[in-house]
C-alpha atoms as a PDB file:
ATOM      1  CA  MET A   1      -9.431  30.641-130.506  1.00  0.00           C
ATOM      2  CA  LEU A   2      -6.194  29.258-131.370  1.00  0.00           C
ATOM      3  CA  THR A   3      -5.446  27.434-134.934  1.00  0.00           C
ATOM      4  CA  LEU A   4      -2.298  25.937-135.677  1.00  0.00           C
ATOM      5  CA  GLN A   5      -1.198  24.651-139.355  1.00  0.00           C
ATOM      6  CA  LEU A   6       1.716  22.333-139.024  1.00  0.00           C
ATOM      7  CA  ASP A   7       3.382  21.401-142.665  1.00  0.00           C
ATOM      8  CA  ASP A   8       5.803  18.321-143.050  1.00  0.00           C
ATOM      9  CA  PHE A   9       5.174  17.622-139.472  1.00  0.00           C
ATOM     10  CA  LEU A  10       5.722  13.701-138.395  1.00  0.00           C
ATOM     11  CA  LEU A  11       6.492  12.736-134.835  1.00  0.00           C
ATOM     12  CA  GLU A  12       7.173   9.633-133.316  1.00  0.00           C
ATOM     13  CA  LEU A  13       5.758   8.572-130.226  1.00  0.00           C
ATOM     14  CA  LYS A  14       7.770   5.594-128.294  1.00  0.00           C
ATOM     15  CA  ASP A  15       8.131   4.878-124.814  1.00  0.00           C
ATOM     16  CA  GLY A  16       6.349   8.102-123.680  1.00  0.00           C
ATOM     17  CA  ALA A  17       9.005  10.423-125.443  1.00  0.00           C
ATOM     18  CA  ILE A  18       8.313  12.211-128.713  1.00  0.00           C
ATOM     19  CA  LYS A  19      10.884  12.563-131.395  1.00  0.00           C
ATOM     20  CA  ASN A  20      11.041  14.228-134.569  1.00  0.00           C
ATOM     21  CA  VAL A  21      10.697  12.191-137.588  1.00  0.00           C
ATOM     22  CA  GLY A  22      12.087  13.335-140.812  1.00  0.00           C
ATOM     23  CA  PRO A  23      13.984  15.925-142.205  1.00  0.00           C
ATOM     24  CA  SER A  24      14.110  19.546-140.036  1.00  0.00           C
ATOM     25  CA  ASN A  25      12.389  21.339-143.150  1.00  0.00           C
ATOM     26  CA  LYS A  26       8.979  21.675-140.838  1.00  0.00           C
ATOM     27  CA  THR A  27       6.740  25.040-141.054  1.00  0.00           C
ATOM     28  CA  ALA A  28       3.573  26.412-138.747  1.00  0.00           C
ATOM     29  CA  THR A  29       1.565  28.948-138.666  1.00  0.00           C
ATOM     30  CA  ALA A  30      -0.102  29.946-135.326  1.00  0.00           C
ATOM     31  CA  LYS A  31      -3.560  32.245-135.224  1.00  0.00           C
ATOM     32  CA  LEU A  32      -4.757  33.551-132.194  1.00  0.00           C
ATOM     33  CA  PHE A  33      -8.274  35.009-132.569  1.00  0.00           C
ATOM     34  CA  ASP A  34     -10.998  36.961-129.700  1.00  0.00           C
ATOM     35  CA  VAL A  35      -7.999  38.181-127.636  1.00  0.00           C
ATOM     36  CA  ASP A  36      -8.911  39.289-124.264  1.00  0.00           C
ATOM     37  CA  ARG A  37      -5.471  40.271-123.106  1.00  0.00           C
ATOM     38  CA  ALA A  38      -2.599  41.714-124.716  1.00  0.00           C
ATOM     39  CA  GLU A  39       1.046  42.921-123.114  1.00  0.00           C
ATOM     40  CA  ALA A  40       4.122  43.743-123.818  1.00  0.00           C
ATOM     41  CA  ARG A  41       7.168  43.310-121.443  1.00  0.00           C
ATOM     42  CA  GLU A  42      11.353  43.249-121.362  1.00  0.00           C
ATOM     43  CA  PHE A  43      12.629  39.822-122.124  1.00  0.00           C
ATOM     44  CA  GLY A  44      16.250  39.191-121.640  1.00  0.00           C
ATOM     45  CA  ASP A  45      18.352  42.041-122.193  1.00  0.00           C
ATOM     46  CA  LYS A  46      17.586  43.076-125.579  1.00  0.00           C
ATOM     47  CA  ARG A  47      14.361  41.903-126.753  1.00  0.00           C
ATOM     48  CA  VAL A  48      10.395  42.891-126.179  1.00  0.00           C
ATOM     49  CA  LYS A  49       7.654  40.014-125.548  1.00  0.00           C
ATOM     50  CA  LEU A  50       4.551  40.368-126.738  1.00  0.00           C
ATOM     51  CA  VAL A  51       1.959  38.099-125.076  1.00  0.00           C
ATOM     52  CA  PHE A  52      -1.519  37.402-126.495  1.00  0.00           C
ATOM     53  CA  GLU A  53      -4.194  35.435-124.642  1.00  0.00           C
ATOM     54  CA  ASP A  54      -7.953  34.527-125.345  1.00  0.00           C
ATOM     55  CA  ASP A  55     -10.700  33.574-122.782  1.00  0.00           C
ATOM     56  CA  GLU A  56      -9.825  30.171-123.287  1.00  0.00           C
ATOM     57  CA  GLY A  57      -6.406  30.275-122.025  1.00  0.00           C
ATOM     58  CA  SER A  58      -4.472  30.005-125.187  1.00  0.00           C
ATOM     59  CA  GLU A  59      -1.372  32.052-125.502  1.00  0.00           C
ATOM     60  CA  ILE A  60       0.820  32.927-127.857  1.00  0.00           C
ATOM     61  CA  GLN A  61       4.242  34.801-127.107  1.00  0.00           C
ATOM     62  CA  ILE A  62       6.555  36.749-130.017  1.00  0.00           C
ATOM     63  CA  ALA A  63      10.083  38.107-128.894  1.00  0.00           C
ATOM     64  CA  LEU A  64      11.224  40.653-130.874  1.00  0.00           C
ATOM     65  CA  PHE A  65      14.352  43.161-130.999  1.00  0.00           C
ATOM     66  CA  PRO A  66      13.401  47.192-130.264  1.00  0.00           C
ATOM     67  CA  GLU A  67      13.544  47.910-134.148  1.00  0.00           C
ATOM     68  CA  ASP A  68      11.124  45.341-134.956  1.00  0.00           C
ATOM     69  CA  VAL A  69       8.268  46.801-132.404  1.00  0.00           C
ATOM     70  CA  ARG A  70       9.530  50.162-133.523  1.00  0.00           C
ATOM     71  CA  SER A  71       8.134  49.202-137.125  1.00  0.00           C
ATOM     72  CA  ILE A  72       5.147  47.512-135.952  1.00  0.00           C
ATOM     73  CA  ALA A  73       3.942  50.881-133.919  1.00  0.00           C
ATOM     74  CA  GLU A  74       4.378  52.711-136.845  1.00  0.00           C
ATOM     75  CA  ASP A  75       2.645  50.481-139.037  1.00  0.00           C
ATOM     76  CA  ILE A  76      -0.516  51.105-136.486  1.00  0.00           C
ATOM     77  CA  GLU A  77       0.103  54.759-136.057  1.00  0.00           C
ATOM     78  CA  ARG A  78      -0.540  54.664-140.096  1.00  0.00           C
ATOM     79  CA  LEU A  79      -3.251  52.826-139.658  1.00  0.00           C
ATOM     80  CA  GLU A  80      -4.932  54.858-137.387  1.00  0.00           C
ATOM     81  CA  GLY A  81      -4.784  57.509-139.821  1.00  0.00           C
ATOM     82  CA  ASP A  82      -5.783  55.698-142.986  1.00  0.00           C
ATOM     83  CA  SER A  83      -8.357  53.060-141.821  1.00  0.00           C
ATOM     84  CA  ARG A  84     -11.465  52.848-141.026  1.00  0.00           C
ATOM     85  CA  VAL A  85     -10.844  50.027-138.064  1.00  0.00           C
ATOM     86  CA  PHE A  86      -9.756  53.130-135.531  1.00  0.00           C
ATOM     87  CA  GLU A  87     -12.789  55.220-136.536  1.00  0.00           C
END
């Protein structure tokens, strides 16, 4: 299940073209639940792309620098030792 929350978001549709309306202070939050597939792969010369997909075909891709990937890996290791999730 993919959920999107868009704040201060307004688009104009005119003659088949989509145009941003208003200031560029928009924010968005995307959440993907019930992930069926997750993978990590190279993205360009300097980043790692994490790809998550559910059984409905919804997908989120995140490109991170290696130091951010290492930080997440450390967080997961810490959870493995401290959390009920990994029991």
